[in-house]
Amino acid sequence: MYGYLMIFAAAFPLAPLLALIVNLLYLRLGDAKRLMWKTRRPIVQIAKGIGIWQKLMYFINAVAVISNGFLIAFTSDFGKEIGERYGQDGRLWLLVVFE
């Protein structure tokens, strides 16, 4: 869910709020019984970090910045305004400046 929220945040700005509500409801209704009655506490293990997940998070964030930049530059009203004034080159410069 994190990847979808980050990559398409410019397309649907209410998505993080809806995801928070859905996750809170799921935690309360779906996972509460399982966490309380059907699972045991895991054995603690010391770790130096989150491992490969750190690199994946960086990658998702980089893709999200590029994706949101393209969405803003080529589909938003601001991008269309820049495109009317300066043409496609203006939109590409907007994308470069945004990045």
PDB file of N, CA and C in Angstrom:
ATOM      1  N   MET A   1       0.828  -1.178   0.000  1.00  0.00           N
ATOM      2  CA  MET A   1       0.000   0.000   0.000  1.00  0.00           C
ATOM      3  C   MET A   1       0.880   1.252   0.000  1.00  0.00           C
ATOM      4  N   TYR A   2       2.018   1.171   0.671  1.00  0.00           N
ATOM      5  CA  TYR A   2       2.919   2.319   0.724  1.00  0.00           C
ATOM      6  C   TYR A   2       3.355   2.748  -0.675  1.00  0.00           C
ATOM      7  N   GLY A   3       3.680   1.779  -1.508  1.00  0.00           N
ATOM      8  CA  GLY A   3       4.122   2.091  -2.866  1.00  0.00           C
ATOM      9  C   GLY A   3       3.053   2.801  -3.675  1.00  0.00           C
ATOM     10  N   TYR A   4       1.825   2.301  -3.610  1.00  0.00           N
ATOM     11  CA  TYR A   4       0.733   2.944  -4.340  1.00  0.00           C
ATOM     12  C   TYR A   4       0.488   4.359  -3.826  1.00  0.00           C
ATOM     13  N   LEU A   5       0.544   4.536  -2.530  1.00  0.00           N
ATOM     14  CA  LEU A   5       0.318   5.868  -1.967  1.00  0.00           C
ATOM     15  C   LEU A   5       1.393   6.846  -2.408  1.00  0.00           C
ATOM     16  N   MET A   6       2.631   6.407  -2.393  1.00  0.00           N
ATOM     17  CA  MET A   6       3.716   7.304  -2.759  1.00  0.00           C
ATOM     18  C   MET A   6       3.726   7.606  -4.253  1.00  0.00           C
ATOM     19  N   ILE A   7       3.518   6.592  -5.064  1.00  0.00           N
ATOM     20  CA  ILE A   7       3.643   6.774  -6.504  1.00  0.00           C
ATOM     21  C   ILE A   7       2.485   7.587  -7.076  1.00  0.00           C
ATOM     22  N   PHE A   8       1.283   7.405  -6.550  1.00  0.00           N
ATOM     23  CA  PHE A   8       0.128   8.082  -7.125  1.00  0.00           C
ATOM     24  C   PHE A   8      -0.468   9.145  -6.214  1.00  0.00           C
ATOM     25  N   ALA A   9       0.332   9.729  -5.339  1.00  0.00           N
ATOM     26  CA  ALA A   9      -0.169  10.744  -4.411  1.00  0.00           C
ATOM     27  C   ALA A   9      -0.652  11.991  -5.140  1.00  0.00           C
ATOM     28  N   ALA A  10      -0.016  12.360  -6.220  1.00  0.00           N
ATOM     29  CA  ALA A  10      -0.435  13.557  -6.954  1.00  0.00           C
ATOM     30  C   ALA A  10      -1.742  13.321  -7.710  1.00  0.00           C
ATOM     31  N   ALA A  11      -2.028  12.085  -8.072  1.00  0.00           N
ATOM     32  CA  ALA A  11      -3.252  11.791  -8.818  1.00  0.00           C
ATOM     33  C   ALA A  11      -4.483  11.788  -7.909  1.00  0.00           C
ATOM     34  N   PHE A  12      -4.339  11.341  -6.678  1.00  0.00           N
ATOM     35  CA  PHE A  12      -5.472  11.284  -5.749  1.00  0.00           C
ATOM     36  C   PHE A  12      -4.979  11.679  -4.361  1.00  0.00           C
ATOM     37  N   PRO A  13      -5.001  12.977  -4.028  1.00  0.00           N
ATOM     38  CA  PRO A  13      -4.430  13.454  -2.764  1.00  0.00           C
ATOM     39  C   PRO A  13      -5.136  12.935  -1.507  1.00  0.00           C
ATOM     40  N   LEU A  14      -6.367  12.466  -1.614  1.00  0.00           N
ATOM     41  CA  LEU A  14      -7.059  11.946  -0.443  1.00  0.00           C
ATOM     42  C   LEU A  14      -6.695  10.490  -0.124  1.00  0.00           C
ATOM     43  N   ALA A  15      -5.899   9.873  -0.957  1.00  0.00           N
ATOM     44  CA  ALA A  15      -5.548   8.467  -0.763  1.00  0.00           C
ATOM     45  C   ALA A  15      -4.869   8.203   0.581  1.00  0.00           C
ATOM     46  N   PRO A  16      -3.929   9.025   1.047  1.00  0.00           N
ATOM     47  CA  PRO A  16      -3.335   8.730   2.357  1.00  0.00           C
ATOM     48  C   PRO A  16      -4.353   8.758   3.498  1.00  0.00           C
ATOM     49  N   LEU A  17      -5.284   9.684   3.462  1.00  0.00           N
ATOM     50  CA  LEU A  17      -6.312   9.731   4.498  1.00  0.00           C
ATOM     51  C   LEU A  17      -7.203   8.492   4.447  1.00  0.00           C
ATOM     52  N   LEU A  18      -7.614   8.101   3.252  1.00  0.00           N
ATOM     53  CA  LEU A  18      -8.433   6.902   3.114  1.00  0.00           C
ATOM     54  C   LEU A  18      -7.667   5.649   3.535  1.00  0.00           C
ATOM     55  N   ALA A  19      -6.390   5.582   3.208  1.00  0.00           N
ATOM     56  CA  ALA A  19      -5.580   4.431   3.610  1.00  0.00           C
ATOM     57  C   ALA A  19      -5.451   4.369   5.130  1.00  0.00           C
ATOM     58  N   LEU A  20      -5.301   5.517   5.770  1.00  0.00           N
ATOM     59  CA  LEU A  20      -5.233   5.535   7.230  1.00  0.00           C
ATOM     60  C   LEU A  20      -6.528   5.019   7.846  1.00  0.00           C
ATOM     61  N   ILE A  21      -7.659   5.471   7.328  1.00  0.00           N
ATOM     62  CA  ILE A  21      -8.955   5.024   7.845  1.00  0.00           C
ATOM     63  C   ILE A  21      -9.138   3.527   7.629  1.00  0.00           C
ATOM     64  N   VAL A  22      -8.811   3.051   6.431  1.00  0.00           N
ATOM     65  CA  VAL A  22      -8.955   1.625   6.127  1.00  0.00           C
ATOM     66  C   VAL A  22      -8.041   0.788   7.018  1.00  0.00           C
ATOM     67  N   ASN A  23      -6.804   1.228   7.204  1.00  0.00           N
ATOM     68  CA  ASN A  23      -5.878   0.468   8.041  1.00  0.00           C
ATOM     69  C   ASN A  23      -6.303   0.466   9.509  1.00  0.00           C
ATOM     70  N   LEU A  24      -6.816   1.583  10.006  1.00  0.00           N
ATOM     71  CA  LEU A  24      -7.302   1.610  11.385  1.00  0.00           C
ATOM     72  C   LEU A  24      -8.496   0.683  11.571  1.00  0.00           C
ATOM     73  N   LEU A  25      -9.412   0.698  10.603  1.00  0.00           N
ATOM     74  CA  LEU A  25     -10.559  -0.198  10.681  1.00  0.00           C
ATOM     75  C   LEU A  25     -10.129  -1.663  10.590  1.00  0.00           C
ATOM     76  N   TYR A  26      -9.209  -1.945   9.700  1.00  0.00           N
ATOM     77  CA  TYR A  26      -8.738  -3.326   9.549  1.00  0.00           C
ATOM     78  C   TYR A  26      -8.025  -3.798  10.816  1.00  0.00           C
ATOM     79  N   LEU A  27      -7.225  -2.913  11.391  1.00  0.00           N
ATOM     80  CA  LEU A  27      -6.530  -3.277  12.619  1.00  0.00           C
ATOM     81  C   LEU A  27      -7.526  -3.544  13.733  1.00  0.00           C
ATOM     82  N   ARG A  28      -8.545  -2.716  13.825  1.00  0.00           N
ATOM     83  CA  ARG A  28      -9.526  -2.853  14.889  1.00  0.00           C
ATOM     84  C   ARG A  28     -10.444  -4.052  14.675  1.00  0.00           C
ATOM     85  N   LEU A  29     -10.914  -4.230  13.462  1.00  0.00           N
ATOM     86  CA  LEU A  29     -11.904  -5.268  13.192  1.00  0.00           C
ATOM     87  C   LEU A  29     -11.286  -6.591  12.747  1.00  0.00           C
ATOM     88  N   GLY A  30     -10.255  -6.528  11.923  1.00  0.00           N
ATOM     89  CA  GLY A  30      -9.711  -7.751  11.340  1.00  0.00           C
ATOM     90  C   GLY A  30      -8.588  -8.378  12.129  1.00  0.00           C
ATOM     91  N   ASP A  31      -7.648  -7.558  12.575  1.00  0.00           N
ATOM     92  CA  ASP A  31      -6.459  -8.106  13.219  1.00  0.00           C
ATOM     93  C   ASP A  31      -6.559  -8.210  14.730  1.00  0.00           C
ATOM     94  N   ALA A  32      -7.483  -7.520  15.349  1.00  0.00           N
ATOM     95  CA  ALA A  32      -7.521  -7.482  16.810  1.00  0.00           C
ATOM     96  C   ALA A  32      -7.719  -8.871  17.400  1.00  0.00           C
ATOM     97  N   LYS A  33      -8.662  -9.622  16.889  1.00  0.00           N
ATOM     98  CA  LYS A  33      -8.916 -10.960  17.424  1.00  0.00           C
ATOM     99  C   LYS A  33      -7.723 -11.882  17.193  1.00  0.00           C
ATOM    100  N   ARG A  34      -7.165 -11.806  16.003  1.00  0.00           N
ATOM    101  CA  ARG A  34      -6.008 -12.655  15.696  1.00  0.00           C
ATOM    102  C   ARG A  34      -4.825 -12.295  16.582  1.00  0.00           C
ATOM    103  N   LEU A  35      -4.581 -11.007  16.764  1.00  0.00           N
ATOM    104  CA  LEU A  35      -3.452 -10.597  17.590  1.00  0.00           C
ATOM    105  C   LEU A  35      -3.647 -10.957  19.063  1.00  0.00           C
ATOM    106  N   MET A  36      -4.880 -10.907  19.529  1.00  0.00           N
ATOM    107  CA  MET A  36      -5.140 -11.173  20.942  1.00  0.00           C
ATOM    108  C   MET A  36      -5.212 -12.670  21.273  1.00  0.00           C
ATOM    109  N   TRP A  37      -5.764 -13.474  20.399  1.00  0.00           N
ATOM    110  CA  TRP A  37      -6.082 -14.848  20.770  1.00  0.00           C
ATOM    111  C   TRP A  37      -5.368 -15.927  19.962  1.00  0.00           C
ATOM    112  N   LYS A  38      -4.955 -15.637  18.734  1.00  0.00           N
ATOM    113  CA  LYS A  38      -4.459 -16.716  17.886  1.00  0.00           C
ATOM    114  C   LYS A  38      -2.957 -16.692  17.633  1.00  0.00           C
ATOM    115  N   THR A  39      -2.266 -15.676  18.060  1.00  0.00           N
ATOM    116  CA  THR A  39      -0.824 -15.621  17.828  1.00  0.00           C
ATOM    117  C   THR A  39      -0.093 -15.431  19.146  1.00  0.00           C
ATOM    118  N   ARG A  40       1.160 -15.835  19.137  1.00  0.00           N
ATOM    119  CA  ARG A  40       1.986 -15.649  20.324  1.00  0.00           C
ATOM    120  C   ARG A  40       3.011 -14.563  20.049  1.00  0.00           C
ATOM    121  N   ARG A  41       3.539 -14.020  21.103  1.00  0.00           N
ATOM    122  CA  ARG A  41       4.552 -12.979  20.974  1.00  0.00           C
ATOM    123  C   ARG A  41       5.810 -13.583  20.341  1.00  0.00           C
ATOM    124  N   PRO A  42       6.382 -12.910  19.327  1.00  0.00           N
ATOM    125  CA  PRO A  42       7.584 -13.457  18.686  1.00  0.00           C
ATOM    126  C   PRO A  42       8.797 -13.374  19.614  1.00  0.00           C
ATOM    127  N   ILE A  43       9.750 -14.237  19.360  1.00  0.00           N
ATOM    128  CA  ILE A  43      10.999 -14.227  20.117  1.00  0.00           C
ATOM    129  C   ILE A  43      11.838 -13.054  19.627  1.00  0.00           C
ATOM    130  N   VAL A  44      12.348 -12.275  20.546  1.00  0.00           N
ATOM    131  CA  VAL A  44      13.095 -11.064  20.211  1.00  0.00           C
ATOM    132  C   VAL A  44      14.450 -11.432  19.626  1.00  0.00           C
ATOM    133  N   GLN A  45      14.786 -10.784  18.500  1.00  0.00           N
ATOM    134  CA  GLN A  45      16.091 -10.947  17.876  1.00  0.00           C
ATOM    135  C   GLN A  45      16.643  -9.565  17.577  1.00  0.00           C
ATOM    136  N   ILE A  46      17.896  -9.347  17.897  1.00  0.00           N
ATOM    137  CA  ILE A  46      18.524  -8.058  17.643  1.00  0.00           C
ATOM    138  C   ILE A  46      18.909  -7.981  16.164  1.00  0.00           C
ATOM    139  N   ALA A  47      18.605  -6.853  15.557  1.00  0.00           N
ATOM    140  CA  ALA A  47      18.942  -6.640  14.153  1.00  0.00           C
ATOM    141  C   ALA A  47      19.684  -5.312  14.018  1.00  0.00           C
ATOM    142  N   LYS A  48      20.549  -5.231  13.017  1.00  0.00           N
ATOM    143  CA  LYS A  48      21.308  -4.003  12.782  1.00  0.00           C
ATOM    144  C   LYS A  48      20.487  -2.959  12.033  1.00  0.00           C
ATOM    145  N   GLY A  49      19.499  -3.386  11.290  1.00  0.00           N
ATOM    146  CA  GLY A  49      18.683  -2.472  10.500  1.00  0.00           C
ATOM    147  C   GLY A  49      17.519  -3.237   9.903  1.00  0.00           C
ATOM    148  N   ILE A  50      16.931  -2.670   8.866  1.00  0.00           N
ATOM    149  CA  ILE A  50      15.800  -3.352   8.247  1.00  0.00           C
ATOM    150  C   ILE A  50      16.213  -4.105   6.989  1.00  0.00           C
ATOM    151  N   GLY A  51      17.517  -4.155   6.727  1.00  0.00           N
ATOM    152  CA  GLY A  51      18.035  -4.979   5.644  1.00  0.00           C
ATOM    153  C   GLY A  51      17.697  -4.450   4.264  1.00  0.00           C
ATOM    154  N   ILE A  52      17.290  -5.350   3.390  1.00  0.00           N
ATOM    155  CA  ILE A  52      17.006  -5.009   1.996  1.00  0.00           C
ATOM    156  C   ILE A  52      15.830  -4.055   1.869  1.00  0.00           C
ATOM    157  N   TRP A  53      14.979  -4.021   2.881  1.00  0.00           N
ATOM    158  CA  TRP A  53      13.807  -3.146   2.817  1.00  0.00           C
ATOM    159  C   TRP A  53      14.205  -1.675   2.727  1.00  0.00           C
ATOM    160  N   GLN A  54      15.337  -1.297   3.292  1.00  0.00           N
ATOM    161  CA  GLN A  54      15.799   0.089   3.206  1.00  0.00           C
ATOM    162  C   GLN A  54      16.043   0.482   1.751  1.00  0.00           C
ATOM    163  N   LYS A  55      16.702  -0.381   0.995  1.00  0.00           N
ATOM    164  CA  LYS A  55      16.971  -0.096  -0.424  1.00  0.00           C
ATOM    165  C   LYS A  55      15.670  -0.061  -1.220  1.00  0.00           C
ATOM    166  N   LEU A  56      14.736  -0.954  -0.904  1.00  0.00           N
ATOM    167  CA  LEU A  56      13.450  -0.950  -1.595  1.00  0.00           C
ATOM    168  C   LEU A  56      12.663   0.323  -1.309  1.00  0.00           C
ATOM    169  N   MET A  57      12.728   0.811  -0.081  1.00  0.00           N
ATOM    170  CA  MET A  57      12.033   2.063   0.257  1.00  0.00           C
ATOM    171  C   MET A  57      12.645   3.239  -0.512  1.00  0.00           C
ATOM    172  N   TYR A  58      13.964   3.287  -0.605  1.00  0.00           N
ATOM    173  CA  TYR A  58      14.618   4.334  -1.388  1.00  0.00           C
ATOM    174  C   TYR A  58      14.197   4.259  -2.855  1.00  0.00           C
ATOM    175  N   PHE A  59      14.131   3.049  -3.392  1.00  0.00           N
ATOM    176  CA  PHE A  59      13.730   2.878  -4.789  1.00  0.00           C
ATOM    177  C   PHE A  59      12.289   3.336  -5.011  1.00  0.00           C
ATOM    178  N   ILE A  60      11.381   2.940  -4.124  1.00  0.00           N
ATOM    179  CA  ILE A  60       9.978   3.349  -4.249  1.00  0.00           C
ATOM    180  C   ILE A  60       9.866   4.865  -4.163  1.00  0.00           C
ATOM    181  N   ASN A  61      10.615   5.488  -3.263  1.00  0.00           N
ATOM    182  CA  ASN A  61      10.573   6.943  -3.145  1.00  0.00           C
ATOM    183  C   ASN A  61      11.108   7.627  -4.392  1.00  0.00           C
ATOM    184  N   ALA A  62      12.157   7.097  -4.991  1.00  0.00           N
ATOM    185  CA  ALA A  62      12.697   7.684  -6.213  1.00  0.00           C
ATOM    186  C   ALA A  62      11.698   7.562  -7.359  1.00  0.00           C
ATOM    187  N   VAL A  63      11.076   6.399  -7.497  1.00  0.00           N
ATOM    188  CA  VAL A  63      10.060   6.217  -8.537  1.00  0.00           C
ATOM    189  C   VAL A  63       8.870   7.140  -8.281  1.00  0.00           C
ATOM    190  N   ALA A  64       8.522   7.336  -7.021  1.00  0.00           N
ATOM    191  CA  ALA A  64       7.393   8.200  -6.675  1.00  0.00           C
ATOM    192  C   ALA A  64       7.670   9.647  -7.054  1.00  0.00           C
ATOM    193  N   VAL A  65       8.883  10.117  -6.809  1.00  0.00           N
ATOM    194  CA  VAL A  65       9.223  11.501  -7.171  1.00  0.00           C
ATOM    195  C   VAL A  65       9.135  11.689  -8.678  1.00  0.00           C
ATOM    196  N   ILE A  66       9.664  10.760  -9.429  1.00  0.00           N
ATOM    197  CA  ILE A  66       9.623  10.860 -10.891  1.00  0.00           C
ATOM    198  C   ILE A  66       8.181  10.765 -11.394  1.00  0.00           C
ATOM    199  N   SER A  67       7.423   9.807 -10.881  1.00  0.00           N
ATOM    200  CA  SER A  67       6.033   9.622 -11.303  1.00  0.00           C
ATOM    201  C   SER A  67       5.181  10.847 -10.979  1.00  0.00           C
ATOM    202  N   ASN A  68       5.308  11.368  -9.769  1.00  0.00           N
ATOM    203  CA  ASN A  68       4.527  12.546  -9.401  1.00  0.00           C
ATOM    204  C   ASN A  68       4.953  13.771 -10.194  1.00  0.00           C
ATOM    205  N   GLY A  69       6.234  13.858 -10.504  1.00  0.00           N
ATOM    206  CA  GLY A  69       6.694  14.959 -11.352  1.00  0.00           C
ATOM    207  C   GLY A  69       6.055  14.925 -12.731  1.00  0.00           C
ATOM    208  N   PHE A  70       6.010  13.748 -13.336  1.00  0.00           N
ATOM    209  CA  PHE A  70       5.352  13.615 -14.636  1.00  0.00           C
ATOM    210  C   PHE A  70       3.856  13.890 -14.542  1.00  0.00           C
ATOM    211  N   LEU A  71       3.218  13.404 -13.495  1.00  0.00           N
ATOM    212  CA  LEU A  71       1.783  13.662 -13.326  1.00  0.00           C
ATOM    213  C   LEU A  71       1.493  15.155 -13.210  1.00  0.00           C
ATOM    214  N   ILE A  72       2.304  15.852 -12.428  1.00  0.00           N
ATOM    215  CA  ILE A  72       2.089  17.291 -12.261  1.00  0.00           C
ATOM    216  C   ILE A  72       2.403  18.038 -13.549  1.00  0.00           C
ATOM    217  N   ALA A  73       3.496  17.686 -14.198  1.00  0.00           N
ATOM    218  CA  ALA A  73       3.922  18.423 -15.390  1.00  0.00           C
ATOM    219  C   ALA A  73       2.995  18.204 -16.575  1.00  0.00           C
ATOM    220  N   PHE A  74       2.430  17.014 -16.724  1.00  0.00           N
ATOM    221  CA  PHE A  74       1.691  16.718 -17.943  1.00  0.00           C
ATOM    222  C   PHE A  74       0.183  16.587 -17.779  1.00  0.00           C
ATOM    223  N   THR A  75      -0.333  16.551 -16.548  1.00  0.00           N
ATOM    224  CA  THR A  75      -1.782  16.412 -16.400  1.00  0.00           C
ATOM    225  C   THR A  75      -2.434  17.482 -15.545  1.00  0.00           C
ATOM    226  N   SER A  76      -1.673  18.218 -14.748  1.00  0.00           N
ATOM    227  CA  SER A  76      -2.286  19.206 -13.867  1.00  0.00           C
ATOM    228  C   SER A  76      -2.567  20.505 -14.626  1.00  0.00           C
ATOM    229  N   ASP A  77      -3.398  21.335 -14.031  1.00  0.00           N
ATOM    230  CA  ASP A  77      -3.701  22.636 -14.633  1.00  0.00           C
ATOM    231  C   ASP A  77      -2.456  23.509 -14.693  1.00  0.00           C
ATOM    232  N   PHE A  78      -1.618  23.419 -13.663  1.00  0.00           N
ATOM    233  CA  PHE A  78      -0.384  24.189 -13.656  1.00  0.00           C
ATOM    234  C   PHE A  78       0.530  23.765 -14.801  1.00  0.00           C
ATOM    235  N   GLY A  79       0.634  22.456 -15.030  1.00  0.00           N
ATOM    236  CA  GLY A  79       1.448  21.962 -16.134  1.00  0.00           C
ATOM    237  C   GLY A  79       0.883  22.357 -17.489  1.00  0.00           C
ATOM    238  N   LYS A  80      -0.461  22.345 -17.611  1.00  0.00           N
ATOM    239  CA  LYS A  80      -1.081  22.767 -18.873  1.00  0.00           C
ATOM    240  C   LYS A  80      -0.845  24.252 -19.123  1.00  0.00           C
ATOM    241  N   GLU A  81      -0.879  25.039 -18.046  1.00  0.00           N
ATOM    242  CA  GLU A  81      -0.620  26.474 -18.170  1.00  0.00           C
ATOM    243  C   GLU A  81       0.805  26.733 -18.652  1.00  0.00           C
ATOM    244  N   ILE A  82       1.743  26.023 -18.076  1.00  0.00           N
ATOM    245  CA  ILE A  82       3.143  26.151 -18.511  1.00  0.00           C
ATOM    246  C   ILE A  82       3.281  25.682 -19.961  1.00  0.00           C
ATOM    247  N   GLY A  83       2.570  24.606 -20.312  1.00  0.00           N
ATOM    248  CA  GLY A  83       2.621  24.096 -21.678  1.00  0.00           C
ATOM    249  C   GLY A  83       2.065  25.080 -22.689  1.00  0.00           C
ATOM    250  N   GLU A  84       1.013  25.811 -22.321  1.00  0.00           N
ATOM    251  CA  GLU A  84       0.458  26.807 -23.228  1.00  0.00           C
ATOM    252  C   GLU A  84       1.405  27.980 -23.411  1.00  0.00           C
ATOM    253  N   ARG A  85       2.088  28.376 -22.355  1.00  0.00           N
ATOM    254  CA  ARG A  85       3.013  29.512 -22.452  1.00  0.00           C
ATOM    255  C   ARG A  85       4.310  29.150 -23.168  1.00  0.00           C
ATOM    256  N   TYR A  86       4.915  28.020 -22.766  1.00  0.00           N
ATOM    257  CA  TYR A  86       6.255  27.707 -23.228  1.00  0.00           C
ATOM    258  C   TYR A  86       6.341  26.454 -24.094  1.00  0.00           C
ATOM    259  N   GLY A  87       5.245  25.774 -24.319  1.00  0.00           N
ATOM    260  CA  GLY A  87       5.254  24.563 -25.133  1.00  0.00           C
ATOM    261  C   GLY A  87       5.721  23.346 -24.342  1.00  0.00           C
ATOM    262  N   GLN A  88       5.974  22.265 -25.061  1.00  0.00           N
ATOM    263  CA  GLN A  88       6.408  21.024 -24.429  1.00  0.00           C
ATOM    264  C   GLN A  88       7.747  21.197 -23.723  1.00  0.00           C
ATOM    265  N   ASP A  89       8.605  22.045 -24.264  1.00  0.00           N
ATOM    266  CA  ASP A  89       9.895  22.286 -23.613  1.00  0.00           C
ATOM    267  C   ASP A  89       9.699  22.878 -22.221  1.00  0.00           C
ATOM    268  N   GLY A  90       8.703  23.738 -22.084  1.00  0.00           N
ATOM    269  CA  GLY A  90       8.409  24.325 -20.778  1.00  0.00           C
ATOM    270  C   GLY A  90       7.960  23.280 -19.779  1.00  0.00           C
ATOM    271  N   ARG A  91       7.168  22.330 -20.241  1.00  0.00           N
ATOM    272  CA  ARG A  91       6.744  21.242 -19.355  1.00  0.00           C
ATOM    273  C   ARG A  91       7.915  20.382 -18.921  1.00  0.00           C
ATOM    274  N   LEU A  92       8.810  20.107 -19.856  1.00  0.00           N
ATOM    275  CA  LEU A  92       9.987  19.314 -19.497  1.00  0.00           C
ATOM    276  C   LEU A  92      10.877  20.071 -18.523  1.00  0.00           C
ATOM    277  N   TRP A  93      11.021  21.391 -18.714  1.00  0.00           N
ATOM    278  CA  TRP A  93      11.792  22.175 -17.764  1.00  0.00           C
ATOM    279  C   TRP A  93      11.112  22.196 -16.397  1.00  0.00           C
ATOM    280  N   LEU A  94       9.784  22.245 -16.376  1.00  0.00           N
ATOM    281  CA  LEU A  94       9.064  22.166 -15.120  1.00  0.00           C
ATOM    282  C   LEU A  94       9.368  20.848 -14.420  1.00  0.00           C
ATOM    283  N   LEU A  95       9.397  19.774 -15.190  1.00  0.00           N
ATOM    284  CA  LEU A  95       9.719  18.460 -14.629  1.00  0.00           C
ATOM    285  C   LEU A  95      11.139  18.436 -14.079  1.00  0.00           C
ATOM    286  N   VAL A  96      12.081  18.990 -14.803  1.00  0.00           N
ATOM    287  CA  VAL A  96      13.478  19.016 -14.358  1.00  0.00           C
ATOM    288  C   VAL A  96      13.615  19.848 -13.077  1.00  0.00           C
ATOM    289  N   VAL A  97      12.948  20.991 -13.035  1.00  0.00           N
ATOM    290  CA  VAL A  97      13.021  21.848 -11.847  1.00  0.00           C
ATOM    291  C   VAL A  97      12.345  21.153 -10.665  1.00  0.00           C
ATOM    292  N   PHE A  98      11.240  20.469 -10.929  1.00  0.00           N
ATOM    293  CA  PHE A  98      10.542  19.746  -9.865  1.00  0.00           C
ATOM    294  C   PHE A  98      11.416  18.640  -9.281  1.00  0.00           C
ATOM    295  N   GLU A  99      12.161  17.970 -10.144  1.00  0.00           N
ATOM    296  CA  GLU A  99      13.021  16.889  -9.677  1.00  0.00           C
ATOM    297  C   GLU A  99      14.153  17.469  -8.864  1.00  0.00           C
TER     298      GLU A  99
END
